[in-house]
N, C-alpha and C. Protein backbone atom coordinates (compact mmCIF):
# COMPACT_ATOMS: atom_id res chain seq x y z
N UNK A 1 10.74 11.50 20.98
CA UNK A 1 10.23 11.36 19.62
C UNK A 1 9.14 12.41 19.38
N UNK A 2 9.23 13.15 18.27
CA UNK A 2 8.21 14.13 17.96
C UNK A 2 6.94 13.42 17.52
N UNK A 3 5.79 13.81 18.07
CA UNK A 3 4.52 13.17 17.73
C UNK A 3 3.56 14.19 17.10
N UNK A 4 4.08 15.04 16.25
CA UNK A 4 3.21 15.99 15.56
C UNK A 4 3.48 15.88 14.06
N UNK A 5 2.66 16.58 13.29
CA UNK A 5 2.80 16.53 11.84
C UNK A 5 3.28 17.86 11.27
N UNK A 6 3.88 18.71 12.11
CA UNK A 6 4.21 20.07 11.69
C UNK A 6 5.71 20.33 11.56
N UNK A 7 6.52 19.31 11.65
CA UNK A 7 7.97 19.50 11.62
C UNK A 7 8.50 19.42 10.19
N UNK A 8 9.07 20.50 9.71
CA UNK A 8 9.69 20.49 8.39
C UNK A 8 11.16 20.12 8.56
N UNK A 9 11.60 19.18 7.76
CA UNK A 9 13.00 18.77 7.86
C UNK A 9 13.71 19.03 6.53
N UNK A 10 14.99 19.22 6.63
CA UNK A 10 15.79 19.43 5.43
C UNK A 10 15.78 18.17 4.58
N UNK A 11 15.52 18.29 3.27
CA UNK A 11 15.45 17.10 2.43
C UNK A 11 16.80 16.41 2.33
N UNK A 12 16.77 15.08 2.30
CA UNK A 12 18.01 14.33 2.14
C UNK A 12 18.29 14.15 0.66
N UNK A 13 19.51 13.76 0.34
CA UNK A 13 19.88 13.52 -1.04
C UNK A 13 19.35 12.15 -1.46
N UNK A 14 18.42 12.13 -2.41
CA UNK A 14 17.79 10.89 -2.83
C UNK A 14 18.42 10.36 -4.11
N UNK A 15 18.45 9.03 -4.27
CA UNK A 15 18.89 8.45 -5.55
C UNK A 15 17.77 8.59 -6.58
N UNK A 16 17.79 9.68 -7.32
CA UNK A 16 16.71 9.98 -8.25
C UNK A 16 16.91 9.28 -9.59
N UNK A 17 15.80 9.07 -10.29
CA UNK A 17 15.84 8.49 -11.62
C UNK A 17 16.25 9.56 -12.63
N UNK A 18 16.46 9.15 -13.87
CA UNK A 18 16.82 10.10 -14.93
C UNK A 18 15.67 11.09 -15.13
N UNK A 19 15.99 12.36 -15.18
CA UNK A 19 15.02 13.44 -15.36
C UNK A 19 14.01 13.52 -14.22
N UNK A 20 14.36 13.03 -13.04
CA UNK A 20 13.46 13.09 -11.90
C UNK A 20 13.86 14.25 -10.99
N UNK A 21 12.87 14.97 -10.47
CA UNK A 21 13.14 16.07 -9.55
C UNK A 21 12.09 16.10 -8.45
N UNK A 22 12.52 16.55 -7.26
CA UNK A 22 11.62 16.63 -6.11
C UNK A 22 10.70 17.84 -6.26
N UNK A 23 9.40 17.61 -6.14
CA UNK A 23 8.40 18.67 -6.25
C UNK A 23 7.93 19.13 -4.88
N UNK A 24 7.77 18.19 -3.96
CA UNK A 24 7.17 18.51 -2.66
C UNK A 24 7.66 17.49 -1.65
N UNK A 25 7.88 17.94 -0.40
CA UNK A 25 8.26 17.01 0.66
C UNK A 25 7.80 17.57 2.00
N UNK A 26 7.60 16.68 2.96
CA UNK A 26 7.21 17.12 4.30
C UNK A 26 7.35 15.95 5.26
N UNK A 27 7.51 16.28 6.55
CA UNK A 27 7.55 15.26 7.59
C UNK A 27 6.23 14.49 7.61
N UNK A 28 6.33 13.17 7.78
CA UNK A 28 5.13 12.32 7.77
C UNK A 28 5.40 11.07 8.58
N UNK A 29 4.39 10.25 8.73
CA UNK A 29 4.56 8.93 9.34
C UNK A 29 3.85 7.90 8.48
N UNK A 30 4.41 6.71 8.43
CA UNK A 30 3.98 5.66 7.51
C UNK A 30 3.65 4.40 8.30
N UNK A 31 2.46 3.85 8.07
CA UNK A 31 2.01 2.65 8.78
C UNK A 31 2.56 1.41 8.08
N UNK A 32 3.51 0.74 8.72
CA UNK A 32 4.10 -0.47 8.15
C UNK A 32 3.53 -1.72 8.82
N UNK A 33 2.46 -1.57 9.59
CA UNK A 33 1.87 -2.70 10.30
C UNK A 33 0.99 -3.55 9.41
N UNK A 34 0.35 -4.53 10.02
CA UNK A 34 -0.55 -5.43 9.32
C UNK A 34 -1.96 -4.87 9.37
N UNK A 35 -2.90 -5.63 8.80
CA UNK A 35 -4.30 -5.20 8.85
C UNK A 35 -4.87 -5.29 10.25
N UNK A 36 -4.17 -5.98 11.17
CA UNK A 36 -4.67 -6.16 12.53
C UNK A 36 -4.07 -5.16 13.52
N UNK A 37 -2.86 -4.68 13.24
CA UNK A 37 -2.20 -3.78 14.19
C UNK A 37 -1.31 -2.79 13.43
N UNK A 38 -1.40 -1.51 13.81
CA UNK A 38 -0.59 -0.48 13.17
C UNK A 38 0.81 -0.46 13.76
N UNK A 39 1.78 -0.04 12.96
CA UNK A 39 3.15 0.14 13.42
C UNK A 39 3.73 1.30 12.63
N UNK A 40 3.90 2.45 13.29
CA UNK A 40 4.25 3.67 12.58
C UNK A 40 5.76 3.93 12.54
N UNK A 41 6.22 4.46 11.41
CA UNK A 41 7.60 4.90 11.24
C UNK A 41 7.57 6.38 10.85
N UNK A 42 8.41 7.17 11.50
CA UNK A 42 8.48 8.60 11.20
C UNK A 42 9.56 8.86 10.16
N UNK A 43 9.31 9.81 9.28
CA UNK A 43 10.27 10.14 8.24
C UNK A 43 9.77 11.29 7.40
N UNK A 44 10.09 11.28 6.12
CA UNK A 44 9.66 12.33 5.20
C UNK A 44 9.00 11.73 3.97
N UNK A 45 7.92 12.36 3.53
CA UNK A 45 7.25 11.96 2.30
C UNK A 45 7.72 12.87 1.17
N UNK A 46 8.15 12.27 0.07
CA UNK A 46 8.64 13.02 -1.08
C UNK A 46 7.77 12.74 -2.29
N UNK A 47 7.40 13.80 -2.99
CA UNK A 47 6.72 13.68 -4.27
C UNK A 47 7.65 14.22 -5.35
N UNK A 48 7.96 13.39 -6.33
CA UNK A 48 8.75 13.84 -7.46
C UNK A 48 7.84 13.86 -8.69
N UNK A 49 8.40 14.21 -9.82
CA UNK A 49 7.60 14.21 -11.04
C UNK A 49 7.34 12.79 -11.55
N UNK A 50 7.93 11.77 -10.88
CA UNK A 50 7.74 10.39 -11.32
C UNK A 50 7.29 9.44 -10.23
N UNK A 51 7.62 9.75 -8.96
CA UNK A 51 7.35 8.79 -7.89
C UNK A 51 6.87 9.47 -6.62
N UNK A 52 6.33 8.64 -5.73
CA UNK A 52 6.02 9.03 -4.36
C UNK A 52 6.87 8.14 -3.47
N UNK A 53 7.65 8.75 -2.56
CA UNK A 53 8.58 7.99 -1.73
C UNK A 53 8.44 8.39 -0.27
N UNK A 54 8.60 7.41 0.61
CA UNK A 54 8.68 7.68 2.04
C UNK A 54 10.07 7.30 2.50
N UNK A 55 10.78 8.27 3.10
CA UNK A 55 12.19 8.08 3.43
C UNK A 55 12.40 8.27 4.93
N UNK A 56 13.12 7.34 5.54
CA UNK A 56 13.50 7.45 6.94
C UNK A 56 15.02 7.49 6.98
N UNK A 57 15.57 8.66 7.36
CA UNK A 57 17.01 8.84 7.25
C UNK A 57 17.39 8.84 5.77
N UNK A 58 18.17 7.84 5.37
CA UNK A 58 18.49 7.67 3.95
C UNK A 58 17.91 6.37 3.39
N UNK A 59 17.05 5.74 4.18
CA UNK A 59 16.44 4.48 3.77
C UNK A 59 15.05 4.72 3.21
N UNK A 60 14.80 4.23 2.00
CA UNK A 60 13.49 4.35 1.38
C UNK A 60 12.61 3.20 1.87
N UNK A 61 11.56 3.52 2.64
CA UNK A 61 10.67 2.48 3.16
C UNK A 61 9.53 2.17 2.21
N UNK A 62 9.16 3.14 1.38
CA UNK A 62 8.04 2.95 0.48
C UNK A 62 8.26 3.81 -0.76
N UNK A 63 8.00 3.23 -1.93
CA UNK A 63 8.08 4.01 -3.17
C UNK A 63 7.10 3.43 -4.18
N UNK A 64 6.53 4.31 -4.98
CA UNK A 64 5.60 3.86 -6.01
C UNK A 64 5.66 4.86 -7.17
N UNK A 65 5.64 4.34 -8.38
CA UNK A 65 5.57 5.19 -9.56
C UNK A 65 4.20 5.85 -9.62
N UNK A 66 4.15 7.12 -9.96
CA UNK A 66 2.87 7.82 -10.04
C UNK A 66 1.95 7.17 -11.06
N UNK A 67 2.53 6.64 -12.12
CA UNK A 67 1.73 6.01 -13.17
C UNK A 67 1.04 4.73 -12.70
N UNK A 68 1.49 4.17 -11.56
CA UNK A 68 0.91 2.93 -11.06
C UNK A 68 -0.08 3.14 -9.91
N UNK A 69 -0.29 4.38 -9.52
CA UNK A 69 -1.27 4.67 -8.47
C UNK A 69 -2.68 4.54 -9.05
N UNK A 70 -3.50 3.73 -8.40
CA UNK A 70 -4.86 3.49 -8.89
C UNK A 70 -5.89 4.33 -8.14
N UNK A 71 -5.73 4.47 -6.84
CA UNK A 71 -6.71 5.18 -6.03
C UNK A 71 -6.03 5.93 -4.89
N UNK A 72 -6.49 7.14 -4.61
CA UNK A 72 -6.04 7.89 -3.44
C UNK A 72 -7.27 8.25 -2.61
N UNK A 73 -7.26 7.87 -1.34
CA UNK A 73 -8.38 8.16 -0.45
C UNK A 73 -7.89 8.95 0.76
N UNK A 74 -8.77 9.71 1.37
CA UNK A 74 -8.51 10.34 2.66
C UNK A 74 -9.38 9.61 3.69
N UNK A 75 -8.75 8.99 4.67
CA UNK A 75 -9.48 8.24 5.69
C UNK A 75 -9.06 8.73 7.08
N UNK A 76 -9.97 8.66 8.03
CA UNK A 76 -9.66 9.03 9.41
C UNK A 76 -9.54 7.76 10.22
N UNK A 77 -8.36 7.50 10.78
CA UNK A 77 -8.13 6.27 11.52
C UNK A 77 -7.10 6.50 12.62
N UNK A 78 -6.90 5.49 13.45
CA UNK A 78 -5.98 5.61 14.56
C UNK A 78 -4.55 5.86 14.14
N UNK A 79 -3.89 6.74 14.89
CA UNK A 79 -2.49 7.09 14.63
C UNK A 79 -1.71 6.79 15.90
N UNK A 80 -0.61 7.47 16.16
CA UNK A 80 0.22 7.25 17.34
C UNK A 80 -0.59 7.57 18.60
N UNK A 81 -0.48 6.70 19.61
CA UNK A 81 -1.21 6.83 20.87
C UNK A 81 -2.73 6.76 20.69
N UNK A 82 -3.17 6.20 19.56
CA UNK A 82 -4.60 6.01 19.33
C UNK A 82 -5.35 7.23 18.83
N UNK A 83 -4.65 8.36 18.70
CA UNK A 83 -5.31 9.58 18.21
C UNK A 83 -5.75 9.39 16.76
N UNK A 84 -6.99 9.76 16.46
CA UNK A 84 -7.50 9.62 15.10
C UNK A 84 -7.19 10.87 14.28
N UNK A 85 -6.52 10.67 13.15
CA UNK A 85 -6.19 11.79 12.26
C UNK A 85 -6.49 11.37 10.82
N UNK A 86 -6.64 12.36 9.96
CA UNK A 86 -6.84 12.08 8.54
C UNK A 86 -5.54 11.56 7.94
N UNK A 87 -5.65 10.54 7.12
CA UNK A 87 -4.47 9.92 6.51
C UNK A 87 -4.69 9.71 5.02
N UNK A 88 -3.60 9.71 4.28
CA UNK A 88 -3.65 9.39 2.86
C UNK A 88 -3.60 7.88 2.72
N UNK A 89 -4.55 7.33 1.99
CA UNK A 89 -4.59 5.89 1.73
C UNK A 89 -4.37 5.68 0.24
N UNK A 90 -3.29 4.99 -0.12
CA UNK A 90 -2.91 4.84 -1.52
C UNK A 90 -2.99 3.39 -1.95
N UNK A 91 -3.70 3.15 -3.04
CA UNK A 91 -3.78 1.82 -3.63
C UNK A 91 -3.04 1.88 -4.96
N UNK A 92 -2.02 1.05 -5.12
CA UNK A 92 -1.26 1.03 -6.36
C UNK A 92 -1.19 -0.38 -6.90
N UNK A 93 -0.90 -0.49 -8.16
CA UNK A 93 -0.92 -1.79 -8.83
C UNK A 93 0.08 -2.76 -8.19
N UNK A 94 -0.42 -3.91 -7.74
CA UNK A 94 0.44 -4.96 -7.21
C UNK A 94 1.06 -4.65 -5.87
N UNK A 95 0.55 -3.65 -5.16
CA UNK A 95 1.16 -3.27 -3.89
C UNK A 95 0.14 -3.29 -2.76
N UNK A 96 0.63 -3.52 -1.56
CA UNK A 96 -0.19 -3.42 -0.36
C UNK A 96 -0.63 -1.96 -0.16
N UNK A 97 -1.76 -1.78 0.48
CA UNK A 97 -2.27 -0.43 0.73
C UNK A 97 -1.49 0.23 1.86
N UNK A 98 -0.82 1.35 1.62
CA UNK A 98 -0.14 2.06 2.71
C UNK A 98 -1.00 3.20 3.25
N UNK A 99 -0.82 3.50 4.53
CA UNK A 99 -1.46 4.66 5.15
C UNK A 99 -0.37 5.64 5.56
N UNK A 100 -0.52 6.89 5.15
CA UNK A 100 0.47 7.92 5.44
C UNK A 100 -0.20 9.08 6.15
N UNK A 101 0.27 9.41 7.35
CA UNK A 101 -0.25 10.55 8.11
C UNK A 101 0.66 11.74 7.85
N UNK A 102 0.08 12.84 7.39
CA UNK A 102 0.86 14.02 7.03
C UNK A 102 -0.02 15.26 7.17
N UNK A 103 0.59 16.41 7.41
CA UNK A 103 -0.17 17.65 7.50
C UNK A 103 -0.83 17.97 6.16
N UNK A 104 -2.07 18.42 6.20
CA UNK A 104 -2.84 18.82 5.03
C UNK A 104 -2.91 17.71 3.98
N UNK A 105 -3.46 16.54 4.34
CA UNK A 105 -3.52 15.42 3.40
C UNK A 105 -4.34 15.71 2.15
N UNK A 106 -5.38 16.58 2.28
CA UNK A 106 -6.20 16.90 1.12
C UNK A 106 -5.38 17.59 0.03
N UNK A 107 -4.46 18.48 0.45
CA UNK A 107 -3.60 19.17 -0.51
C UNK A 107 -2.64 18.19 -1.17
N UNK A 108 -2.09 17.26 -0.39
CA UNK A 108 -1.20 16.25 -0.96
C UNK A 108 -1.95 15.40 -1.98
N UNK A 109 -3.15 15.00 -1.64
CA UNK A 109 -3.97 14.20 -2.57
C UNK A 109 -4.17 14.95 -3.88
N UNK A 110 -4.50 16.24 -3.77
CA UNK A 110 -4.74 17.06 -4.96
C UNK A 110 -3.48 17.16 -5.82
N UNK A 111 -2.34 17.43 -5.19
CA UNK A 111 -1.09 17.59 -5.94
C UNK A 111 -0.68 16.28 -6.61
N UNK A 112 -0.84 15.16 -5.90
CA UNK A 112 -0.49 13.87 -6.49
C UNK A 112 -1.38 13.57 -7.69
N UNK A 113 -2.68 13.83 -7.55
CA UNK A 113 -3.61 13.58 -8.65
C UNK A 113 -3.31 14.47 -9.85
N UNK A 114 -2.87 15.70 -9.60
CA UNK A 114 -2.51 16.60 -10.70
C UNK A 114 -1.31 16.09 -11.47
N UNK A 115 -0.46 15.31 -10.79
CA UNK A 115 0.73 14.77 -11.44
C UNK A 115 0.45 13.46 -12.16
N UNK A 116 -0.74 12.92 -11.97
CA UNK A 116 -1.11 11.67 -12.64
C UNK A 116 -2.45 11.87 -13.35
N UNK A 117 -2.48 12.72 -14.37
CA UNK A 117 -3.75 13.09 -15.02
C UNK A 117 -4.43 11.96 -15.76
N UNK A 118 -3.70 10.91 -16.12
CA UNK A 118 -4.30 9.82 -16.88
C UNK A 118 -4.88 8.74 -16.00
N UNK A 119 -4.74 8.87 -14.68
CA UNK A 119 -5.22 7.84 -13.76
C UNK A 119 -6.65 8.12 -13.33
N UNK A 120 -7.33 7.08 -12.89
CA UNK A 120 -8.69 7.21 -12.37
C UNK A 120 -8.63 7.17 -10.86
N UNK A 121 -9.26 8.13 -10.19
CA UNK A 121 -9.22 8.20 -8.74
C UNK A 121 -10.62 8.23 -8.17
N UNK A 122 -10.74 7.75 -6.92
CA UNK A 122 -11.97 7.89 -6.16
C UNK A 122 -11.61 8.51 -4.83
N UNK A 123 -12.56 9.12 -4.14
CA UNK A 123 -12.27 9.81 -2.89
C UNK A 123 -12.92 9.15 -1.69
N UNK A 124 -13.45 7.96 -1.85
CA UNK A 124 -14.10 7.28 -0.73
C UNK A 124 -13.14 6.32 -0.07
N UNK A 125 -13.58 5.73 1.05
CA UNK A 125 -12.77 4.72 1.71
C UNK A 125 -12.61 3.53 0.79
N UNK A 126 -11.50 2.75 0.93
CA UNK A 126 -11.29 1.61 0.06
C UNK A 126 -12.41 0.60 0.21
N UNK A 127 -13.03 0.24 -0.89
CA UNK A 127 -14.07 -0.77 -0.88
C UNK A 127 -13.88 -1.65 -2.10
N UNK A 128 -14.47 -2.79 -2.07
CA UNK A 128 -14.46 -3.67 -3.22
C UNK A 128 -15.45 -3.13 -4.23
N UNK A 129 -15.00 -2.83 -5.44
CA UNK A 129 -15.88 -2.30 -6.46
C UNK A 129 -16.47 -3.42 -7.29
N UNK A 130 -17.62 -3.15 -7.89
CA UNK A 130 -18.27 -4.15 -8.72
C UNK A 130 -17.52 -4.28 -10.03
N UNK A 131 -17.19 -5.49 -10.49
CA UNK A 131 -16.49 -5.67 -11.75
C UNK A 131 -17.27 -5.02 -12.89
N UNK A 132 -16.55 -4.27 -13.75
CA UNK A 132 -17.23 -3.57 -14.83
C UNK A 132 -16.76 -4.01 -16.20
N UNK A 133 -15.99 -5.06 -16.28
CA UNK A 133 -15.56 -5.59 -17.57
C UNK A 133 -15.36 -7.08 -17.43
N UNK A 134 -15.27 -7.75 -18.58
CA UNK A 134 -15.11 -9.19 -18.55
C UNK A 134 -13.82 -9.60 -17.86
N UNK A 135 -12.76 -8.78 -18.04
CA UNK A 135 -11.47 -9.11 -17.42
C UNK A 135 -11.54 -9.03 -15.90
N UNK A 136 -12.52 -8.26 -15.35
CA UNK A 136 -12.65 -8.11 -13.91
C UNK A 136 -13.71 -9.03 -13.31
N UNK A 137 -14.28 -9.89 -14.11
CA UNK A 137 -15.30 -10.80 -13.60
C UNK A 137 -14.68 -11.76 -12.58
N UNK A 138 -15.37 -11.95 -11.47
CA UNK A 138 -14.86 -12.79 -10.39
C UNK A 138 -14.97 -14.27 -10.77
N UNK A 139 -13.83 -14.96 -10.70
CA UNK A 139 -13.79 -16.40 -10.96
C UNK A 139 -13.97 -17.17 -9.66
N UNK A 140 -13.34 -16.65 -8.60
CA UNK A 140 -13.37 -17.32 -7.30
C UNK A 140 -13.40 -16.29 -6.19
N UNK A 141 -14.24 -16.51 -5.19
CA UNK A 141 -14.31 -15.64 -4.02
C UNK A 141 -14.42 -16.52 -2.78
N UNK A 142 -13.42 -16.42 -1.89
CA UNK A 142 -13.39 -17.27 -0.70
C UNK A 142 -12.87 -16.50 0.50
N UNK A 143 -13.36 -16.85 1.68
CA UNK A 143 -12.80 -16.33 2.92
C UNK A 143 -11.43 -16.95 3.14
N UNK A 144 -10.51 -16.17 3.68
CA UNK A 144 -9.17 -16.70 3.90
C UNK A 144 -8.33 -15.78 4.76
N UNK A 145 -7.04 -16.04 4.78
CA UNK A 145 -6.08 -15.24 5.54
C UNK A 145 -4.93 -14.86 4.63
N UNK A 146 -4.26 -13.76 4.97
CA UNK A 146 -3.24 -13.19 4.11
C UNK A 146 -2.03 -12.80 4.95
N UNK A 147 -0.84 -13.09 4.44
CA UNK A 147 0.39 -12.77 5.17
C UNK A 147 1.47 -12.37 4.19
N UNK A 148 2.22 -11.31 4.52
CA UNK A 148 3.39 -10.91 3.75
C UNK A 148 4.60 -10.93 4.67
N UNK A 149 5.83 -10.91 4.12
CA UNK A 149 7.03 -10.95 4.97
C UNK A 149 7.08 -9.84 6.01
N UNK A 150 6.43 -8.69 5.77
CA UNK A 150 6.45 -7.59 6.72
C UNK A 150 5.43 -7.70 7.83
N UNK A 151 4.55 -8.71 7.77
CA UNK A 151 3.53 -8.89 8.78
C UNK A 151 3.94 -9.96 9.79
N UNK A 152 3.54 -9.76 11.03
CA UNK A 152 3.82 -10.75 12.07
C UNK A 152 2.60 -11.62 12.36
N UNK A 153 1.42 -11.17 11.90
CA UNK A 153 0.19 -11.91 12.16
C UNK A 153 -0.64 -12.02 10.88
N UNK A 154 -1.39 -13.10 10.79
CA UNK A 154 -2.27 -13.30 9.64
C UNK A 154 -3.43 -12.30 9.69
N UNK A 155 -3.80 -11.78 8.51
CA UNK A 155 -4.97 -10.93 8.40
C UNK A 155 -6.13 -11.71 7.82
N UNK A 156 -7.30 -11.61 8.44
CA UNK A 156 -8.48 -12.33 7.98
C UNK A 156 -9.27 -11.47 7.01
N UNK A 157 -9.77 -12.09 5.95
CA UNK A 157 -10.53 -11.33 4.97
C UNK A 157 -11.07 -12.20 3.86
N UNK A 158 -11.13 -11.64 2.67
CA UNK A 158 -11.69 -12.33 1.51
C UNK A 158 -10.71 -12.28 0.34
N UNK A 159 -10.57 -13.42 -0.32
CA UNK A 159 -9.69 -13.54 -1.49
C UNK A 159 -10.54 -13.56 -2.75
N UNK A 160 -10.17 -12.72 -3.72
CA UNK A 160 -10.87 -12.67 -5.00
C UNK A 160 -9.91 -13.00 -6.13
N UNK A 161 -10.35 -13.84 -7.04
CA UNK A 161 -9.57 -14.16 -8.23
C UNK A 161 -10.37 -13.74 -9.46
N UNK A 162 -9.78 -12.89 -10.30
CA UNK A 162 -10.39 -12.51 -11.57
C UNK A 162 -9.48 -12.97 -12.69
N UNK A 163 -9.82 -12.63 -13.93
CA UNK A 163 -9.00 -13.03 -15.08
C UNK A 163 -7.67 -12.28 -15.11
N UNK A 164 -7.55 -11.19 -14.33
CA UNK A 164 -6.35 -10.37 -14.40
C UNK A 164 -5.56 -10.28 -13.10
N UNK A 165 -6.22 -10.51 -11.96
CA UNK A 165 -5.50 -10.26 -10.71
C UNK A 165 -6.03 -11.11 -9.56
N UNK A 166 -5.20 -11.18 -8.54
CA UNK A 166 -5.53 -11.84 -7.28
C UNK A 166 -5.59 -10.74 -6.23
N UNK A 167 -6.72 -10.63 -5.53
CA UNK A 167 -6.95 -9.52 -4.61
C UNK A 167 -7.37 -10.03 -3.25
N UNK A 168 -6.84 -9.39 -2.18
CA UNK A 168 -7.25 -9.74 -0.82
C UNK A 168 -7.67 -8.46 -0.12
N UNK A 169 -8.84 -8.48 0.52
CA UNK A 169 -9.31 -7.30 1.23
C UNK A 169 -9.95 -7.70 2.55
N UNK A 170 -9.99 -6.74 3.48
CA UNK A 170 -10.60 -6.96 4.78
C UNK A 170 -11.68 -5.92 5.01
N UNK A 171 -12.62 -6.21 5.90
CA UNK A 171 -13.69 -5.26 6.20
C UNK A 171 -13.14 -4.05 6.94
N UNK A 172 -12.02 -4.21 7.64
CA UNK A 172 -11.45 -3.13 8.44
C UNK A 172 -10.59 -2.19 7.61
N UNK A 173 -9.72 -2.74 6.76
CA UNK A 173 -8.73 -1.93 6.04
C UNK A 173 -9.02 -1.79 4.55
N UNK A 174 -10.05 -2.46 4.05
CA UNK A 174 -10.30 -2.41 2.62
C UNK A 174 -9.30 -3.28 1.88
N UNK A 175 -8.84 -2.82 0.73
CA UNK A 175 -7.88 -3.57 -0.08
C UNK A 175 -6.54 -3.65 0.63
N UNK A 176 -6.05 -4.88 0.83
CA UNK A 176 -4.78 -5.10 1.52
C UNK A 176 -3.69 -5.49 0.53
N UNK A 177 -4.03 -6.33 -0.45
CA UNK A 177 -3.04 -6.77 -1.42
C UNK A 177 -3.68 -7.02 -2.77
N UNK A 178 -2.96 -6.67 -3.83
CA UNK A 178 -3.46 -6.89 -5.19
C UNK A 178 -2.28 -7.32 -6.05
N UNK A 179 -2.37 -8.51 -6.63
CA UNK A 179 -1.27 -9.06 -7.42
C UNK A 179 -1.76 -9.34 -8.84
N UNK A 180 -1.25 -8.62 -9.85
CA UNK A 180 -1.61 -8.93 -11.23
C UNK A 180 -1.14 -10.35 -11.59
N UNK A 181 -1.98 -11.12 -12.24
CA UNK A 181 -1.61 -12.50 -12.56
C UNK A 181 -0.37 -12.55 -13.45
N UNK A 182 -0.21 -11.55 -14.31
CA UNK A 182 0.95 -11.55 -15.22
C UNK A 182 2.27 -11.39 -14.47
N UNK A 183 2.20 -10.89 -13.22
CA UNK A 183 3.43 -10.69 -12.45
C UNK A 183 3.83 -11.91 -11.63
N UNK A 184 2.95 -12.92 -11.56
CA UNK A 184 3.23 -14.11 -10.74
C UNK A 184 4.29 -14.97 -11.42
N UNK A 185 5.34 -15.29 -10.68
CA UNK A 185 6.45 -16.09 -11.20
C UNK A 185 6.40 -17.54 -10.71
N UNK A 186 5.77 -17.76 -9.55
CA UNK A 186 5.73 -19.11 -8.99
C UNK A 186 4.57 -19.24 -8.01
N UNK A 187 3.96 -20.42 -8.00
CA UNK A 187 2.92 -20.77 -7.03
C UNK A 187 3.29 -22.12 -6.43
N UNK A 188 3.28 -22.20 -5.10
CA UNK A 188 3.62 -23.48 -4.48
C UNK A 188 2.92 -23.60 -3.13
N UNK A 189 2.81 -24.83 -2.66
CA UNK A 189 2.22 -25.10 -1.36
C UNK A 189 3.34 -25.15 -0.33
N UNK A 190 3.20 -24.36 0.75
CA UNK A 190 4.20 -24.33 1.81
C UNK A 190 3.53 -24.53 3.17
N UNK A 191 4.23 -25.21 4.06
CA UNK A 191 3.77 -25.36 5.44
C UNK A 191 4.18 -24.12 6.23
N UNK A 192 3.20 -23.47 6.89
CA UNK A 192 3.50 -22.32 7.73
C UNK A 192 2.66 -22.40 9.00
N UNK A 193 3.17 -21.74 10.05
CA UNK A 193 2.42 -21.71 11.31
C UNK A 193 1.18 -20.85 11.13
N UNK A 194 0.02 -21.43 11.40
CA UNK A 194 -1.25 -20.71 11.35
C UNK A 194 -2.00 -21.03 12.64
N UNK A 195 -2.14 -20.02 13.50
CA UNK A 195 -2.72 -20.28 14.81
C UNK A 195 -1.69 -20.98 15.68
N UNK A 196 -1.99 -22.20 16.08
CA UNK A 196 -1.08 -22.95 16.95
C UNK A 196 -0.49 -24.16 16.25
N UNK A 197 -0.78 -24.32 14.97
CA UNK A 197 -0.28 -25.50 14.26
C UNK A 197 0.16 -25.13 12.85
N UNK A 198 0.85 -26.05 12.19
CA UNK A 198 1.27 -25.84 10.82
C UNK A 198 0.15 -26.23 9.86
N UNK A 199 -0.03 -25.41 8.84
CA UNK A 199 -1.07 -25.68 7.85
C UNK A 199 -0.50 -25.47 6.45
N UNK A 200 -1.12 -26.10 5.47
CA UNK A 200 -0.75 -25.88 4.08
C UNK A 200 -1.21 -24.49 3.64
N UNK A 201 -0.32 -23.71 3.06
CA UNK A 201 -0.66 -22.39 2.54
C UNK A 201 -0.19 -22.27 1.10
N UNK A 202 -0.79 -21.36 0.37
CA UNK A 202 -0.36 -21.08 -1.00
C UNK A 202 0.65 -19.94 -0.95
N UNK A 203 1.85 -20.19 -1.44
CA UNK A 203 2.88 -19.15 -1.51
C UNK A 203 2.88 -18.58 -2.93
N UNK A 204 2.67 -17.27 -3.03
CA UNK A 204 2.67 -16.59 -4.32
C UNK A 204 3.95 -15.77 -4.45
N UNK A 205 4.77 -16.09 -5.43
CA UNK A 205 5.99 -15.34 -5.70
C UNK A 205 5.71 -14.48 -6.93
N UNK A 206 5.83 -13.17 -6.78
CA UNK A 206 5.48 -12.27 -7.89
C UNK A 206 6.51 -11.14 -8.01
N UNK A 207 6.53 -10.53 -9.17
CA UNK A 207 7.47 -9.43 -9.42
C UNK A 207 6.78 -8.10 -9.18
N UNK A 208 7.45 -7.24 -8.41
CA UNK A 208 6.92 -5.91 -8.12
C UNK A 208 8.05 -4.90 -8.21
N UNK A 209 7.95 -3.97 -9.14
CA UNK A 209 8.99 -2.95 -9.34
C UNK A 209 10.37 -3.58 -9.55
N UNK A 210 10.41 -4.66 -10.33
CA UNK A 210 11.68 -5.29 -10.67
C UNK A 210 12.24 -6.20 -9.60
N UNK A 211 11.53 -6.36 -8.48
CA UNK A 211 12.00 -7.22 -7.40
C UNK A 211 10.97 -8.32 -7.13
N UNK A 212 11.45 -9.47 -6.64
CA UNK A 212 10.56 -10.57 -6.32
C UNK A 212 10.01 -10.39 -4.90
N UNK A 213 8.71 -10.55 -4.76
CA UNK A 213 8.04 -10.46 -3.46
C UNK A 213 7.25 -11.73 -3.22
N UNK A 214 6.85 -11.93 -1.96
CA UNK A 214 6.07 -13.12 -1.59
C UNK A 214 4.83 -12.73 -0.81
N UNK A 215 3.82 -13.56 -0.94
CA UNK A 215 2.62 -13.44 -0.11
C UNK A 215 2.08 -14.84 0.10
N UNK A 216 1.44 -15.07 1.26
CA UNK A 216 0.86 -16.38 1.56
C UNK A 216 -0.63 -16.25 1.79
């Protein structure tokens, strides 16, 4: 397995949207792990005039509309074999925070931001920002745990509820999950294994990019 960020690969044929074209692509690796443990997948990162996609073979592991990207950060964190490298950290509406390791991340950040001129970006590590409007006022703030279908272990952190969204963040990874309240389709209590026993958890079923997702 190649463990460098310098391999250029021939682009694969992607299922593009109407009037969509590939602007930039390069070999990269994508962290699909939880907030407690990283799990890297190697593939290619594609930037089009409408989306950012991470592709492994012909399988799309991650995609986000450029119009839905809220924040792009450059962070230095552990990569394959524990080596610390600069990574692109992307926060998008209603999505978990992904970490992408790629050559020249600063240039990628710049190009992505140029393609989303109407968005607001910050360049610091992900942190909880102070609410600046009535819609962002915190209604509830509690310590808790967070789990998605792609995680094998619970992540410990803080849950925030505002008038517009449900947010979970950790001191280690920053923002982990953000769910707009308008996207929530169902809320229910489910028994799940937590630690060594079953506990009552809140299951949130929400719509993301036209598909139903779950979080506990």
